[in-house]
Amino acid sequence: STVDVLEYLSAWAKGPQAYSDFQVSLNPTHDYSAMYETKRSDVSVDLSREHHRGRMDRHLRDMDGSDPWAIVLSARPPAGVEADFSTSRYLQAAGSAEAMTIEYCAPGGAEIGAVSVRSVVGHRHESPGERDVDIVLPRSVETIRRHEVFTAQEATEMFERFYRTDTIGDDYELRPIEGYRADGGLIDLRKPPIRGHEHR
């Protein structure tokens, strides 16, 4: 554990209940991964927001579309709740520090027969004529809208908020792209891209 030994001693000194609560607080609350194209393995760790800050800011700044090219931060369901598609809640970014796409998955979507929905995150905007932007990934190209492009600095604030609250707040707009049924089935919500001046 990277928890300071003094934290253990402090909790122990407060009595059995305090120490028991402290031990519970050590349980991981999130799973974190950074993906690399040329390295043999990705970085994958458990995080407990009560004790570990994580290193999202460093990996987001280092993203160059290859090493690393993506990071994923997933919230674990509360203790005693089974992990399934109805509890899927994660934030992921892909691309480079200068231009990345961010997706957010959260429970919801009953109106379309889904238990959770994955969406592209965007800045609130009033530019219906904006053009598409290509985010080049190691094995594909992701086309998003101009207001959906983020820098590492912007993404860091969003990831830190998600790590602390399991939400991204109300400062962004979401474009749903995929729903998940309880049985794992997918509901494709993407619309065919409209190019040029007709894009909205």
C-alpha atoms as a PDB file:
ATOM      1  CA  SER A   1       0.000   0.000   0.000  1.00  0.00           C
ATOM      2  CA  THR A   2       1.093   3.555  -0.654  1.00  0.00           C
ATOM      3  CA  VAL A   3      -0.977   4.807   2.294  1.00  0.00           C
ATOM      4  CA  ASP A   4       1.289   6.431   4.870  1.00  0.00           C
ATOM      5  CA  VAL A   5       1.869   4.219   7.913  1.00  0.00           C
ATOM      6  CA  LEU A   6       0.952   7.154  10.125  1.00  0.00           C
ATOM      7  CA  GLU A   7      -2.591   6.985   8.765  1.00  0.00           C
ATOM      8  CA  TYR A   8      -2.821   3.389   9.961  1.00  0.00           C
ATOM      9  CA  LEU A   9      -1.471   4.321  13.398  1.00  0.00           C
ATOM     10  CA  SER A  10      -3.830   7.288  13.687  1.00  0.00           C
ATOM     11  CA  ALA A  11      -6.863   5.145  12.857  1.00  0.00           C
ATOM     12  CA  TRP A  12      -5.705   2.410  15.259  1.00  0.00           C
ATOM     13  CA  ALA A  13      -5.336   4.931  18.087  1.00  0.00           C
ATOM     14  CA  LYS A  14      -8.954   6.051  17.648  1.00  0.00           C
ATOM     15  CA  GLY A  15     -10.325   2.614  18.486  1.00  0.00           C
ATOM     16  CA  PRO A  16     -11.708  -0.532  16.797  1.00  0.00           C
ATOM     17  CA  GLN A  17     -14.588   1.177  14.963  1.00  0.00           C
ATOM     18  CA  ALA A  18     -12.383   3.931  13.561  1.00  0.00           C
ATOM     19  CA  TYR A  19      -9.822   1.369  12.437  1.00  0.00           C
ATOM     20  CA  SER A  20     -12.527  -0.760  10.830  1.00  0.00           C
ATOM     21  CA  ASP A  21     -13.869   2.274   8.955  1.00  0.00           C
ATOM     22  CA  PHE A  22     -10.339   3.116   7.866  1.00  0.00           C
ATOM     23  CA  GLN A  23      -9.838  -0.386   6.461  1.00  0.00           C
ATOM     24  CA  VAL A  24     -13.081  -0.072   4.483  1.00  0.00           C
ATOM     25  CA  SER A  25     -11.862   3.241   3.075  1.00  0.00           C
ATOM     26  CA  LEU A  26      -8.862   1.421   1.578  1.00  0.00           C
ATOM     27  CA  ASN A  27     -11.102  -0.568  -0.765  1.00  0.00           C
ATOM     28  CA  PRO A  28     -10.616   0.495  -4.404  1.00  0.00           C
ATOM     29  CA  THR A  29     -13.295   2.824  -5.745  1.00  0.00           C
ATOM     30  CA  HIS A  30     -12.021   3.079  -9.325  1.00  0.00           C
ATOM     31  CA  ASP A  31     -10.099   1.198 -11.987  1.00  0.00           C
ATOM     32  CA  TYR A  32      -7.628   3.207 -14.051  1.00  0.00           C
ATOM     33  CA  SER A  33      -5.865   2.274 -17.290  1.00  0.00           C
ATOM     34  CA  ALA A  34      -3.505   4.039 -19.689  1.00  0.00           C
ATOM     35  CA  MET A  35      -3.118   2.484 -23.154  1.00  0.00           C
ATOM     36  CA  TYR A  36       0.135   2.389 -25.105  1.00  0.00           C
ATOM     37  CA  GLU A  37       0.699   1.366 -28.709  1.00  0.00           C
ATOM     38  CA  THR A  38       4.383   0.377 -28.668  1.00  0.00           C
ATOM     39  CA  LYS A  39       4.882  -0.776 -25.082  1.00  0.00           C
ATOM     40  CA  ARG A  40       4.295  -4.399 -24.174  1.00  0.00           C
ATOM     41  CA  SER A  41       1.610  -3.699 -21.614  1.00  0.00           C
ATOM     42  CA  ASP A  42      -0.768  -0.969 -20.554  1.00  0.00           C
ATOM     43  CA  VAL A  43      -0.740   0.691 -17.151  1.00  0.00           C
ATOM     44  CA  SER A  44      -3.631  -0.620 -15.054  1.00  0.00           C
ATOM     45  CA  VAL A  45      -4.157   0.148 -11.361  1.00  0.00           C
ATOM     46  CA  ASP A  46      -6.805   0.220  -8.645  1.00  0.00           C
ATOM     47  CA  LEU A  47      -7.470   3.566  -6.988  1.00  0.00           C
ATOM     48  CA  SER A  48      -9.161   4.554  -3.743  1.00  0.00           C
ATOM     49  CA  ARG A  49     -10.244   8.167  -3.865  1.00  0.00           C
ATOM     50  CA  GLU A  50     -10.030   8.434  -0.088  1.00  0.00           C
ATOM     51  CA  HIS A  51      -6.271   7.910  -0.200  1.00  0.00           C
ATOM     52  CA  HIS A  52      -4.882   8.024  -3.744  1.00  0.00           C
ATOM     53  CA  ARG A  53      -4.843  11.006  -6.004  1.00  0.00           C
ATOM     54  CA  GLY A  54      -3.978   9.068  -9.117  1.00  0.00           C
ATOM     55  CA  ARG A  55      -1.841  10.269 -12.018  1.00  0.00           C
ATOM     56  CA  MET A  56      -4.437  11.208 -14.605  1.00  0.00           C
ATOM     57  CA  ASP A  57      -2.923  14.653 -15.160  1.00  0.00           C
ATOM     58  CA  ARG A  58       0.474  13.233 -16.093  1.00  0.00           C
ATOM     59  CA  HIS A  59      -0.891  10.676 -18.534  1.00  0.00           C
ATOM     60  CA  LEU A  60      -3.246  13.196 -20.128  1.00  0.00           C
ATOM     61  CA  ARG A  61      -0.354  15.621 -20.697  1.00  0.00           C
ATOM     62  CA  ASP A  62       1.795  12.808 -22.128  1.00  0.00           C
ATOM     63  CA  MET A  63      -0.801  11.550 -24.597  1.00  0.00           C
ATOM     64  CA  ASP A  64       0.565  11.801 -28.142  1.00  0.00           C
ATOM     65  CA  GLY A  65      -1.808   9.507 -30.025  1.00  0.00           C
ATOM     66  CA  SER A  66       0.512   6.533 -29.491  1.00  0.00           C
ATOM     67  CA  ASP A  67       2.284   6.315 -26.097  1.00  0.00           C
ATOM     68  CA  PRO A  68      -0.059   6.745 -24.338  1.00  0.00           C
ATOM     69  CA  TRP A  69      -2.988   7.218 -26.688  1.00  0.00           C
ATOM     70  CA  ALA A  70      -5.917   6.673 -24.298  1.00  0.00           C
ATOM     71  CA  ILE A  71      -6.859   6.556 -20.633  1.00  0.00           C
ATOM     72  CA  VAL A  72      -9.932   5.074 -18.959  1.00  0.00           C
ATOM     73  CA  LEU A  73     -11.223   5.757 -15.442  1.00  0.00           C
ATOM     74  CA  SER A  74     -14.053   3.464 -14.299  1.00  0.00           C
ATOM     75  CA  ALA A  75     -16.051   3.835 -11.088  1.00  0.00           C
ATOM     76  CA  ARG A  76     -16.736   0.615  -9.236  1.00  0.00           C
ATOM     77  CA  PRO A  77     -20.326   0.038  -8.055  1.00  0.00           C
ATOM     78  CA  PRO A  78     -21.055   0.494  -4.330  1.00  0.00           C
ATOM     79  CA  ALA A  79     -20.218  -2.398  -2.022  1.00  0.00           C
ATOM     80  CA  GLY A  80     -22.785  -5.172  -2.330  1.00  0.00           C
ATOM     81  CA  VAL A  81     -23.999  -4.044  -5.767  1.00  0.00           C
ATOM     82  CA  GLU A  82     -23.244  -6.400  -8.646  1.00  0.00           C
ATOM     83  CA  ALA A  83     -21.214  -4.971 -11.502  1.00  0.00           C
ATOM     84  CA  ASP A  84     -23.185  -5.163 -14.752  1.00  0.00           C
ATOM     85  CA  PHE A  85     -24.242  -2.899 -17.600  1.00  0.00           C
ATOM     86  CA  SER A  86     -26.731  -1.066 -15.368  1.00  0.00           C
ATOM     87  CA  THR A  87     -23.861   0.114 -13.148  1.00  0.00           C
ATOM     88  CA  SER A  88     -21.435   1.045 -15.956  1.00  0.00           C
ATOM     89  CA  ARG A  89     -19.938   4.437 -15.192  1.00  0.00           C
ATOM     90  CA  TYR A  90     -16.652   5.497 -16.776  1.00  0.00           C
ATOM     91  CA  LEU A  91     -14.789   8.339 -18.440  1.00  0.00           C
ATOM     92  CA  GLN A  92     -12.336   7.758 -21.263  1.00  0.00           C
ATOM     93  CA  ALA A  93     -10.151   9.960 -23.442  1.00  0.00           C
ATOM     94  CA  ALA A  94      -8.270   9.171 -26.655  1.00  0.00           C
ATOM     95  CA  GLY A  95      -5.966  11.147 -28.917  1.00  0.00           C
ATOM     96  CA  SER A  96      -3.234  13.615 -28.036  1.00  0.00           C
ATOM     97  CA  ALA A  97      -2.720  16.255 -25.361  1.00  0.00           C
ATOM     98  CA  GLU A  98      -3.514  18.985 -27.905  1.00  0.00           C
ATOM     99  CA  ALA A  99      -6.657  17.338 -29.333  1.00  0.00           C
ATOM    100  CA  MET A 100      -8.545  14.474 -27.735  1.00  0.00           C
ATOM    101  CA  THR A 101     -12.034  13.032 -27.677  1.00  0.00           C
ATOM    102  CA  ILE A 102     -13.692  12.252 -24.338  1.00  0.00           C
ATOM    103  CA  GLU A 103     -16.531   9.788 -23.772  1.00  0.00           C
ATOM    104  CA  TYR A 104     -18.699   9.371 -20.701  1.00  0.00           C
ATOM    105  CA  CYS A 105     -20.788   6.301 -19.846  1.00  0.00           C
ATOM    106  CA  ALA A 106     -23.429   6.419 -17.123  1.00  0.00           C
ATOM    107  CA  PRO A 107     -26.598   4.538 -16.110  1.00  0.00           C
ATOM    108  CA  GLY A 108     -29.740   5.659 -17.921  1.00  0.00           C
ATOM    109  CA  GLY A 109     -31.467   5.374 -21.277  1.00  0.00           C
ATOM    110  CA  ALA A 110     -34.692   3.646 -20.220  1.00  0.00           C
ATOM    111  CA  GLU A 111     -36.544   5.548 -22.962  1.00  0.00           C
ATOM    112  CA  ILE A 112     -34.572   3.622 -25.607  1.00  0.00           C
ATOM    113  CA  GLY A 113     -34.532   0.281 -23.772  1.00  0.00           C
ATOM    114  CA  ALA A 114     -31.031   0.771 -22.360  1.00  0.00           C
ATOM    115  CA  VAL A 115     -29.661   0.581 -18.824  1.00  0.00           C
ATOM    116  CA  SER A 116     -26.609   2.737 -19.554  1.00  0.00           C
ATOM    117  CA  VAL A 117     -25.507   5.077 -22.324  1.00  0.00           C
ATOM    118  CA  ARG A 118     -22.092   6.046 -23.703  1.00  0.00           C
ATOM    119  CA  SER A 119     -21.825   9.608 -25.021  1.00  0.00           C
ATOM    120  CA  VAL A 120     -19.262  11.915 -26.581  1.00  0.00           C
ATOM    121  CA  VAL A 121     -18.632  14.889 -24.292  1.00  0.00           C
ATOM    122  CA  GLY A 122     -18.670  18.381 -25.770  1.00  0.00           C
ATOM    123  CA  HIS A 123     -18.370  22.001 -24.743  1.00  0.00           C
ATOM    124  CA  ARG A 124     -21.634  23.893 -24.733  1.00  0.00           C
ATOM    125  CA  HIS A 125     -21.727  25.768 -28.041  1.00  0.00           C
ATOM    126  CA  GLU A 126     -23.796  27.807 -30.462  1.00  0.00           C
ATOM    127  CA  SER A 127     -22.021  27.001 -33.729  1.00  0.00           C
ATOM    128  CA  PRO A 128     -24.320  24.904 -35.941  1.00  0.00           C
ATOM    129  CA  GLY A 129     -22.016  25.307 -38.943  1.00  0.00           C
ATOM    130  CA  GLU A 130     -18.842  23.965 -37.334  1.00  0.00           C
ATOM    131  CA  ARG A 131     -16.750  21.399 -39.176  1.00  0.00           C
ATOM    132  CA  ASP A 132     -15.741  17.876 -38.156  1.00  0.00           C
ATOM    133  CA  VAL A 133     -12.325  17.125 -36.648  1.00  0.00           C
ATOM    134  CA  ASP A 134     -10.394  13.864 -37.082  1.00  0.00           C
ATOM    135  CA  ILE A 135      -8.709  12.427 -33.985  1.00  0.00           C
ATOM    136  CA  VAL A 136      -6.003  10.065 -35.245  1.00  0.00           C
ATOM    137  CA  LEU A 137      -5.618   6.931 -33.124  1.00  0.00           C
ATOM    138  CA  PRO A 138      -3.102   4.094 -33.569  1.00  0.00           C
ATOM    139  CA  ARG A 139      -5.476   1.893 -35.578  1.00  0.00           C
ATOM    140  CA  SER A 140      -8.376   4.147 -36.493  1.00  0.00           C
ATOM    141  CA  VAL A 141      -9.580   7.702 -36.935  1.00  0.00           C
ATOM    142  CA  GLU A 142     -12.352   9.096 -34.745  1.00  0.00           C
ATOM    143  CA  THR A 143     -14.346  11.921 -36.335  1.00  0.00           C
ATOM    144  CA  ILE A 144     -15.928  14.320 -33.871  1.00  0.00           C
ATOM    145  CA  ARG A 145     -17.292  17.846 -33.907  1.00  0.00           C
ATOM    146  CA  ARG A 146     -15.147  20.874 -33.249  1.00  0.00           C
ATOM    147  CA  HIS A 147     -16.789  21.654 -29.884  1.00  0.00           C
ATOM    148  CA  GLU A 148     -16.068  18.055 -28.783  1.00  0.00           C
ATOM    149  CA  VAL A 149     -12.279  18.503 -28.958  1.00  0.00           C
ATOM    150  CA  PHE A 150     -10.503  18.829 -25.597  1.00  0.00           C
ATOM    151  CA  THR A 151      -6.956  19.591 -24.496  1.00  0.00           C
ATOM    152  CA  ALA A 152      -5.160  17.778 -21.675  1.00  0.00           C
ATOM    153  CA  GLN A 153      -5.618  20.761 -19.369  1.00  0.00           C
ATOM    154  CA  GLU A 154      -9.390  20.751 -19.888  1.00  0.00           C
ATOM    155  CA  ALA A 155      -9.590  16.982 -19.566  1.00  0.00           C
ATOM    156  CA  THR A 156      -7.636  16.908 -16.308  1.00  0.00           C
ATOM    157  CA  GLU A 157     -10.266  19.001 -14.548  1.00  0.00           C
ATOM    158  CA  MET A 158     -13.016  16.702 -15.832  1.00  0.00           C
ATOM    159  CA  PHE A 159     -11.210  13.508 -14.816  1.00  0.00           C
ATOM    160  CA  GLU A 160     -10.437  14.869 -11.352  1.00  0.00           C
ATOM    161  CA  ARG A 161     -14.083  15.800 -10.849  1.00  0.00           C
ATOM    162  CA  PHE A 162     -15.199  12.361 -11.989  1.00  0.00           C
ATOM    163  CA  TYR A 163     -12.687  10.724  -9.644  1.00  0.00           C
ATOM    164  CA  ARG A 164     -14.045  12.701  -6.681  1.00  0.00           C
ATOM    165  CA  THR A 165     -17.783  12.642  -7.478  1.00  0.00           C
ATOM    166  CA  ASP A 166     -18.396   9.978 -10.194  1.00  0.00           C
ATOM    167  CA  THR A 167     -19.984  12.695 -12.350  1.00  0.00           C
ATOM    168  CA  ILE A 168     -18.628  15.260 -14.815  1.00  0.00           C
ATOM    169  CA  GLY A 169     -20.988  18.039 -13.761  1.00  0.00           C
ATOM    170  CA  ASP A 170     -23.429  20.082 -15.820  1.00  0.00           C
ATOM    171  CA  ASP A 171     -20.941  22.208 -17.733  1.00  0.00           C
ATOM    172  CA  TYR A 172     -20.889  19.941 -20.781  1.00  0.00           C
ATOM    173  CA  GLU A 173     -23.277  18.601 -23.378  1.00  0.00           C
ATOM    174  CA  LEU A 174     -23.491  14.916 -24.258  1.00  0.00           C
ATOM    175  CA  ARG A 175     -24.026  13.311 -27.670  1.00  0.00           C
ATOM    176  CA  PRO A 176     -25.248   9.722 -27.091  1.00  0.00           C
ATOM    177  CA  ILE A 177     -23.605   7.207 -29.415  1.00  0.00           C
ATOM    178  CA  GLU A 178     -24.308   3.801 -27.872  1.00  0.00           C
ATOM    179  CA  GLY A 179     -26.746   2.282 -25.384  1.00  0.00           C
ATOM    180  CA  TYR A 180     -26.320  -0.963 -23.476  1.00  0.00           C
ATOM    181  CA  ARG A 181     -29.173  -3.339 -22.636  1.00  0.00           C
ATOM    182  CA  ALA A 182     -29.231  -5.303 -19.395  1.00  0.00           C
ATOM    183  CA  ASP A 183     -28.187  -8.454 -21.274  1.00  0.00           C
ATOM    184  CA  GLY A 184     -25.191  -6.695 -22.832  1.00  0.00           C
ATOM    185  CA  GLY A 185     -26.826  -6.034 -26.179  1.00  0.00           C
ATOM    186  CA  LEU A 186     -25.862  -2.808 -27.963  1.00  0.00           C
ATOM    187  CA  ILE A 187     -28.107  -0.042 -29.242  1.00  0.00           C
ATOM    188  CA  ASP A 188     -26.333   2.014 -31.917  1.00  0.00           C
ATOM    189  CA  LEU A 189     -27.268   5.677 -31.551  1.00  0.00           C
ATOM    190  CA  ARG A 190     -24.833   7.077 -34.091  1.00  0.00           C
ATOM    191  CA  LYS A 191     -26.221   8.957 -37.056  1.00  0.00           C
ATOM    192  CA  PRO A 192     -24.480   8.944 -40.448  1.00  0.00           C
ATOM    193  CA  PRO A 193     -22.059  11.909 -40.546  1.00  0.00           C
ATOM    194  CA  ILE A 194     -23.135  14.917 -42.584  1.00  0.00           C
ATOM    195  CA  ARG A 195     -20.178  16.666 -44.143  1.00  0.00           C
ATOM    196  CA  GLY A 196     -19.497  20.257 -45.106  1.00  0.00           C
ATOM    197  CA  HIS A 197     -21.905  23.132 -44.601  1.00  0.00           C
ATOM    198  CA  GLU A 198     -24.793  20.769 -43.866  1.00  0.00           C
ATOM    199  CA  HIS A 199     -23.156  19.446 -40.711  1.00  0.00           C
ATOM    200  CA  ARG A 200     -24.959  20.449 -37.554  1.00  0.00           C
END
